[in-house]
Amino acid sequence: MMANHPPGEPMTLGNVTNAEDYYQLAAQEAALARVAVTNESRAQHYAMAAYYTRLAEAKEKIAETLE
């Protein structure tokens, strides 16, 4: 479950507030890529996983500078 995601509610990008949430989304996209039927779908899921990972890393950097 996502760190700030309210139980029982669907996950949306509006619920994503910290790096841990983005890492969770990246892991979910990577899992989808592993079971994707087509190469195009697999590539799209891996691209989204990379995107969410970059967002998580950016969130971590921002949090570090605010400490």
PDB file of N, CA and C in Angstrom:
ATOM      1  N   MET A   1       0.852  -1.185   0.000  1.00  0.00           N
ATOM      2  CA  MET A   1       0.000   0.000   0.000  1.00  0.00           C
ATOM      3  C   MET A   1       0.890   1.237   0.000  1.00  0.00           C
ATOM      4  N   MET A   2       0.429   2.266  -0.626  1.00  0.00           N
ATOM      5  CA  MET A   2       1.196   3.495  -0.709  1.00  0.00           C
ATOM      6  C   MET A   2       1.203   4.191   0.659  1.00  0.00           C
ATOM      7  N   ALA A   3       2.275   4.862   0.948  1.00  0.00           N
ATOM      8  CA  ALA A   3       2.472   5.461   2.261  1.00  0.00           C
ATOM      9  C   ALA A   3       1.343   6.399   2.668  1.00  0.00           C
ATOM     10  N   ASN A   4       0.912   7.259   1.769  1.00  0.00           N
ATOM     11  CA  ASN A   4      -0.123   8.235   2.103  1.00  0.00           C
ATOM     12  C   ASN A   4      -1.439   7.940   1.425  1.00  0.00           C
ATOM     13  N   HIS A   5      -1.575   6.758   0.918  1.00  0.00           N
ATOM     14  CA  HIS A   5      -2.778   6.381   0.185  1.00  0.00           C
ATOM     15  C   HIS A   5      -3.851   5.940   1.164  1.00  0.00           C
ATOM     16  N   PRO A   6      -5.010   6.602   1.161  1.00  0.00           N
ATOM     17  CA  PRO A   6      -6.086   6.220   2.088  1.00  0.00           C
ATOM     18  C   PRO A   6      -6.590   4.808   1.783  1.00  0.00           C
ATOM     19  N   PRO A   7      -6.749   3.965   2.793  1.00  0.00           N
ATOM     20  CA  PRO A   7      -7.245   2.615   2.577  1.00  0.00           C
ATOM     21  C   PRO A   7      -8.631   2.636   1.934  1.00  0.00           C
ATOM     22  N   GLY A   8      -8.842   1.726   1.000  1.00  0.00           N
ATOM     23  CA  GLY A   8     -10.145   1.607   0.358  1.00  0.00           C
ATOM     24  C   GLY A   8     -10.379   2.548  -0.803  1.00  0.00           C
ATOM     25  N   GLU A   9      -9.478   3.466  -1.052  1.00  0.00           N
ATOM     26  CA  GLU A   9      -9.620   4.390  -2.171  1.00  0.00           C
ATOM     27  C   GLU A   9      -8.691   3.973  -3.300  1.00  0.00           C
ATOM     28  N   PRO A  10      -9.101   4.172  -4.546  1.00  0.00           N
ATOM     29  CA  PRO A  10      -8.225   3.816  -5.656  1.00  0.00           C
ATOM     30  C   PRO A  10      -6.988   4.704  -5.685  1.00  0.00           C
ATOM     31  N   MET A  11      -5.873   4.136  -6.131  1.00  0.00           N
ATOM     32  CA  MET A  11      -4.639   4.895  -6.211  1.00  0.00           C
ATOM     33  C   MET A  11      -4.706   5.826  -7.419  1.00  0.00           C
ATOM     34  N   THR A  12      -4.404   7.088  -7.197  1.00  0.00           N
ATOM     35  CA  THR A  12      -4.314   8.055  -8.283  1.00  0.00           C
ATOM     36  C   THR A  12      -3.056   8.870  -8.066  1.00  0.00           C
ATOM     37  N   LEU A  13      -2.613   9.551  -9.101  1.00  0.00           N
ATOM     38  CA  LEU A  13      -1.431  10.391  -8.941  1.00  0.00           C
ATOM     39  C   LEU A  13      -1.684  11.512  -7.948  1.00  0.00           C
ATOM     40  N   GLY A  14      -2.926  11.864  -7.724  1.00  0.00           N
ATOM     41  CA  GLY A  14      -3.246  12.878  -6.730  1.00  0.00           C
ATOM     42  C   GLY A  14      -2.930  12.419  -5.311  1.00  0.00           C
ATOM     43  N   ASN A  15      -2.854  11.111  -5.111  1.00  0.00           N
ATOM     44  CA  ASN A  15      -2.536  10.562  -3.792  1.00  0.00           C
ATOM     45  C   ASN A  15      -1.034  10.425  -3.565  1.00  0.00           C
ATOM     46  N   VAL A  16      -0.234  10.638  -4.586  1.00  0.00           N
ATOM     47  CA  VAL A  16       1.213  10.471  -4.489  1.00  0.00           C
ATOM     48  C   VAL A  16       1.814  11.735  -3.907  1.00  0.00           C
ATOM     49  N   THR A  17       2.490  11.587  -2.782  1.00  0.00           N
ATOM     50  CA  THR A  17       3.037  12.780  -2.139  1.00  0.00           C
ATOM     51  C   THR A  17       4.507  12.679  -1.778  1.00  0.00           C
ATOM     52  N   ASN A  18       5.099  11.490  -1.811  1.00  0.00           N
ATOM     53  CA  ASN A  18       6.503  11.402  -1.427  1.00  0.00           C
ATOM     54  C   ASN A  18       7.246  10.384  -2.290  1.00  0.00           C
ATOM     55  N   ALA A  19       8.553  10.295  -2.108  1.00  0.00           N
ATOM     56  CA  ALA A  19       9.390   9.423  -2.927  1.00  0.00           C
ATOM     57  C   ALA A  19       8.967   7.967  -2.815  1.00  0.00           C
ATOM     58  N   GLU A  20       8.609   7.534  -1.625  1.00  0.00           N
ATOM     59  CA  GLU A  20       8.200   6.137  -1.436  1.00  0.00           C
ATOM     60  C   GLU A  20       7.003   5.786  -2.324  1.00  0.00           C
ATOM     61  N   ASP A  21       6.074   6.706  -2.457  1.00  0.00           N
ATOM     62  CA  ASP A  21       4.914   6.488  -3.314  1.00  0.00           C
ATOM     63  C   ASP A  21       5.336   6.303  -4.772  1.00  0.00           C
ATOM     64  N   TYR A  22       6.263   7.150  -5.239  1.00  0.00           N
ATOM     65  CA  TYR A  22       6.727   7.038  -6.622  1.00  0.00           C
ATOM     66  C   TYR A  22       7.495   5.735  -6.836  1.00  0.00           C
ATOM     67  N   TYR A  23       8.292   5.327  -5.842  1.00  0.00           N
ATOM     68  CA  TYR A  23       8.991   4.043  -5.970  1.00  0.00           C
ATOM     69  C   TYR A  23       7.993   2.890  -6.055  1.00  0.00           C
ATOM     70  N   GLN A  24       6.898   2.985  -5.316  1.00  0.00           N
ATOM     71  CA  GLN A  24       5.856   1.954  -5.371  1.00  0.00           C
ATOM     72  C   GLN A  24       5.219   1.920  -6.762  1.00  0.00           C
ATOM     73  N   LEU A  25       4.935   3.079  -7.310  1.00  0.00           N
ATOM     74  CA  LEU A  25       4.382   3.134  -8.669  1.00  0.00           C
ATOM     75  C   LEU A  25       5.370   2.545  -9.678  1.00  0.00           C
ATOM     76  N   ALA A  26       6.651   2.852  -9.514  1.00  0.00           N
ATOM     77  CA  ALA A  26       7.677   2.308 -10.412  1.00  0.00           C
ATOM     78  C   ALA A  26       7.706   0.789 -10.333  1.00  0.00           C
ATOM     79  N   ALA A  27       7.615   0.247  -9.131  1.00  0.00           N
ATOM     80  CA  ALA A  27       7.618  -1.209  -8.956  1.00  0.00           C
ATOM     81  C   ALA A  27       6.392  -1.834  -9.610  1.00  0.00           C
ATOM     82  N   GLN A  28       5.257  -1.182  -9.496  1.00  0.00           N
ATOM     83  CA  GLN A  28       4.045  -1.702 -10.117  1.00  0.00           C
ATOM     84  C   GLN A  28       4.149  -1.681 -11.635  1.00  0.00           C
ATOM     85  N   GLU A  29       4.715  -0.620 -12.189  1.00  0.00           N
ATOM     86  CA  GLU A  29       4.890  -0.545 -13.643  1.00  0.00           C
ATOM     87  C   GLU A  29       5.877  -1.609 -14.127  1.00  0.00           C
ATOM     88  N   ALA A  30       6.943  -1.832 -13.372  1.00  0.00           N
ATOM     89  CA  ALA A  30       7.906  -2.863 -13.757  1.00  0.00           C
ATOM     90  C   ALA A  30       7.260  -4.242 -13.718  1.00  0.00           C
ATOM     91  N   ALA A  31       6.412  -4.485 -12.735  1.00  0.00           N
ATOM     92  CA  ALA A  31       5.703  -5.765 -12.651  1.00  0.00           C
ATOM     93  C   ALA A  31       4.773  -5.939 -13.849  1.00  0.00           C
ATOM     94  N   LEU A  32       4.093  -4.874 -14.237  1.00  0.00           N
ATOM     95  CA  LEU A  32       3.226  -4.932 -15.416  1.00  0.00           C
ATOM     96  C   LEU A  32       4.044  -5.197 -16.676  1.00  0.00           C
ATOM     97  N   ALA A  33       5.225  -4.605 -16.757  1.00  0.00           N
ATOM     98  CA  ALA A  33       6.080  -4.806 -17.929  1.00  0.00           C
ATOM     99  C   ALA A  33       6.499  -6.271 -18.054  1.00  0.00           C
ATOM    100  N   ARG A  34       6.768  -6.908 -16.917  1.00  0.00           N
ATOM    101  CA  ARG A  34       7.214  -8.309 -16.948  1.00  0.00           C
ATOM    102  C   ARG A  34       6.138  -9.255 -17.475  1.00  0.00           C
ATOM    103  N   VAL A  35       4.879  -8.890 -17.347  1.00  0.00           N
ATOM    104  CA  VAL A  35       3.806  -9.774 -17.809  1.00  0.00           C
ATOM    105  C   VAL A  35       3.123  -9.248 -19.072  1.00  0.00           C
ATOM    106  N   ALA A  36       3.641  -8.170 -19.624  1.00  0.00           N
ATOM    107  CA  ALA A  36       3.044  -7.580 -20.821  1.00  0.00           C
ATOM    108  C   ALA A  36       3.138  -8.555 -21.990  1.00  0.00           C
ATOM    109  N   VAL A  37       2.112  -8.549 -22.819  1.00  0.00           N
ATOM    110  CA  VAL A  37       2.022  -9.476 -23.943  1.00  0.00           C
ATOM    111  C   VAL A  37       2.822  -8.980 -25.147  1.00  0.00           C
ATOM    112  N   THR A  38       2.790  -7.688 -25.407  1.00  0.00           N
ATOM    113  CA  THR A  38       3.478  -7.157 -26.587  1.00  0.00           C
ATOM    114  C   THR A  38       4.733  -6.390 -26.184  1.00  0.00           C
ATOM    115  N   ASN A  39       5.666  -6.305 -27.099  1.00  0.00           N
ATOM    116  CA  ASN A  39       6.884  -5.537 -26.847  1.00  0.00           C
ATOM    117  C   ASN A  39       6.576  -4.062 -26.652  1.00  0.00           C
ATOM    118  N   GLU A  40       5.599  -3.549 -27.397  1.00  0.00           N
ATOM    119  CA  GLU A  40       5.224  -2.143 -27.260  1.00  0.00           C
ATOM    120  C   GLU A  40       4.705  -1.852 -25.852  1.00  0.00           C
ATOM    121  N   SER A  41       3.822  -2.698 -25.364  1.00  0.00           N
ATOM    122  CA  SER A  41       3.276  -2.525 -24.019  1.00  0.00           C
ATOM    123  C   SER A  41       4.375  -2.660 -22.967  1.00  0.00           C
ATOM    124  N   ARG A  42       5.247  -3.637 -23.151  1.00  0.00           N
ATOM    125  CA  ARG A  42       6.359  -3.845 -22.214  1.00  0.00           C
ATOM    126  C   ARG A  42       7.234  -2.597 -22.160  1.00  0.00           C
ATOM    127  N   ALA A  43       7.560  -2.054 -23.332  1.00  0.00           N
ATOM    128  CA  ALA A  43       8.404  -0.861 -23.394  1.00  0.00           C
ATOM    129  C   ALA A  43       7.731   0.329 -22.714  1.00  0.00           C
ATOM    130  N   GLN A  44       6.434   0.480 -22.922  1.00  0.00           N
ATOM    131  CA  GLN A  44       5.709   1.587 -22.286  1.00  0.00           C
ATOM    132  C   GLN A  44       5.723   1.459 -20.768  1.00  0.00           C
ATOM    133  N   HIS A  45       5.514   0.251 -20.256  1.00  0.00           N
ATOM    134  CA  HIS A  45       5.522   0.060 -18.805  1.00  0.00           C
ATOM    135  C   HIS A  45       6.912   0.299 -18.220  1.00  0.00           C
ATOM    136  N   TYR A  46       7.954  -0.187 -18.896  1.00  0.00           N
ATOM    137  CA  TYR A  46       9.313   0.063 -18.409  1.00  0.00           C
ATOM    138  C   TYR A  46       9.647   1.552 -18.465  1.00  0.00           C
ATOM    139  N   ALA A  47       9.158   2.248 -19.483  1.00  0.00           N
ATOM    140  CA  ALA A  47       9.394   3.693 -19.573  1.00  0.00           C
ATOM    141  C   ALA A  47       8.716   4.417 -18.416  1.00  0.00           C
ATOM    142  N   MET A  48       7.502   4.006 -18.089  1.00  0.00           N
ATOM    143  CA  MET A  48       6.795   4.618 -16.957  1.00  0.00           C
ATOM    144  C   MET A  48       7.505   4.302 -15.640  1.00  0.00           C
ATOM    145  N   ALA A  49       8.030   3.093 -15.512  1.00  0.00           N
ATOM    146  CA  ALA A  49       8.775   2.729 -14.305  1.00  0.00           C
ATOM    147  C   ALA A  49       9.998   3.634 -14.152  1.00  0.00           C
ATOM    148  N   ALA A  50      10.702   3.866 -15.242  1.00  0.00           N
ATOM    149  CA  ALA A  50      11.872   4.751 -15.204  1.00  0.00           C
ATOM    150  C   ALA A  50      11.459   6.182 -14.857  1.00  0.00           C
ATOM    151  N   TYR A  51      10.346   6.624 -15.408  1.00  0.00           N
ATOM    152  CA  TYR A  51       9.836   7.970 -15.138  1.00  0.00           C
ATOM    153  C   TYR A  51       9.504   8.134 -13.652  1.00  0.00           C
ATOM    154  N   TYR A  52       8.784   7.175 -13.090  1.00  0.00           N
ATOM    155  CA  TYR A  52       8.433   7.253 -11.671  1.00  0.00           C
ATOM    156  C   TYR A  52       9.672   7.174 -10.781  1.00  0.00           C
ATOM    157  N   THR A  53      10.660   6.403 -11.202  1.00  0.00           N
ATOM    158  CA  THR A  53      11.903   6.331 -10.432  1.00  0.00           C
ATOM    159  C   THR A  53      12.598   7.689 -10.423  1.00  0.00           C
ATOM    160  N   ARG A  54      12.640   8.347 -11.575  1.00  0.00           N
ATOM    161  CA  ARG A  54      13.242   9.687 -11.635  1.00  0.00           C
ATOM    162  C   ARG A  54      12.476  10.680 -10.764  1.00  0.00           C
ATOM    163  N   LEU A  55      11.156  10.590 -10.763  1.00  0.00           N
ATOM    164  CA  LEU A  55      10.368  11.465  -9.896  1.00  0.00           C
ATOM    165  C   LEU A  55      10.672  11.194  -8.424  1.00  0.00           C
ATOM    166  N   ALA A  56      10.805   9.932  -8.056  1.00  0.00           N
ATOM    167  CA  ALA A  56      11.121   9.575  -6.670  1.00  0.00           C
ATOM    168  C   ALA A  56      12.478  10.149  -6.268  1.00  0.00           C
ATOM    169  N   GLU A  57      13.457  10.011  -7.157  1.00  0.00           N
ATOM    170  CA  GLU A  57      14.793  10.544  -6.866  1.00  0.00           C
ATOM    171  C   GLU A  57      14.759  12.061  -6.729  1.00  0.00           C
ATOM    172  N   ALA A  58      13.970  12.717  -7.557  1.00  0.00           N
ATOM    173  CA  ALA A  58      13.840  14.174  -7.463  1.00  0.00           C
ATOM    174  C   ALA A  58      13.182  14.570  -6.142  1.00  0.00           C
ATOM    175  N   LYS A  59      12.154  13.825  -5.743  1.00  0.00           N
ATOM    176  CA  LYS A  59      11.485  14.105  -4.460  1.00  0.00           C
ATOM    177  C   LYS A  59      12.470  13.953  -3.308  1.00  0.00           C
ATOM    178  N   GLU A  60      13.331  12.926  -3.375  1.00  0.00           N
ATOM    179  CA  GLU A  60      14.322  12.720  -2.319  1.00  0.00           C
ATOM    180  C   GLU A  60      15.306  13.882  -2.262  1.00  0.00           C
ATOM    181  N   LYS A  61      15.756  14.352  -3.404  1.00  0.00           N
ATOM    182  CA  LYS A  61      16.680  15.490  -3.441  1.00  0.00           C
ATOM    183  C   LYS A  61      16.041  16.736  -2.870  1.00  0.00           C
ATOM    184  N   ILE A  62      14.782  16.972  -3.222  1.00  0.00           N
ATOM    185  CA  ILE A  62      14.071  18.131  -2.691  1.00  0.00           C
ATOM    186  C   ILE A  62      13.948  18.029  -1.177  1.00  0.00           C
ATOM    187  N   ALA A  63      13.591  16.836  -0.695  1.00  0.00           N
ATOM    188  CA  ALA A  63      13.447  16.640   0.750  1.00  0.00           C
ATOM    189  C   ALA A  63      14.779  16.871   1.463  1.00  0.00           C
ATOM    190  N   GLU A  64      15.876  16.447   0.857  1.00  0.00           N
ATOM    191  CA  GLU A  64      17.197  16.636   1.467  1.00  0.00           C
ATOM    192  C   GLU A  64      17.542  18.107   1.574  1.00  0.00           C
ATOM    193  N   THR A  65      17.215  18.881   0.551  1.00  0.00           N
ATOM    194  CA  THR A  65      17.560  20.305   0.568  1.00  0.00           C
ATOM    195  C   THR A  65      16.693  21.074   1.562  1.00  0.00           C
ATOM    196  N   LEU A  66      15.516  20.554   1.867  1.00  0.00           N
ATOM    197  CA  LEU A  66      14.634  21.238   2.818  1.00  0.00           C
ATOM    198  C   LEU A  66      14.950  20.892   4.268  1.00  0.00           C
ATOM    199  N   GLU A  67      15.785  19.886   4.475  1.00  0.00           N
ATOM    200  CA  GLU A  67      16.117  19.492   5.861  1.00  0.00           C
ATOM    201  C   GLU A  67      17.104  20.423   6.501  1.00  0.00           C
TER     202      GLU A  67
END
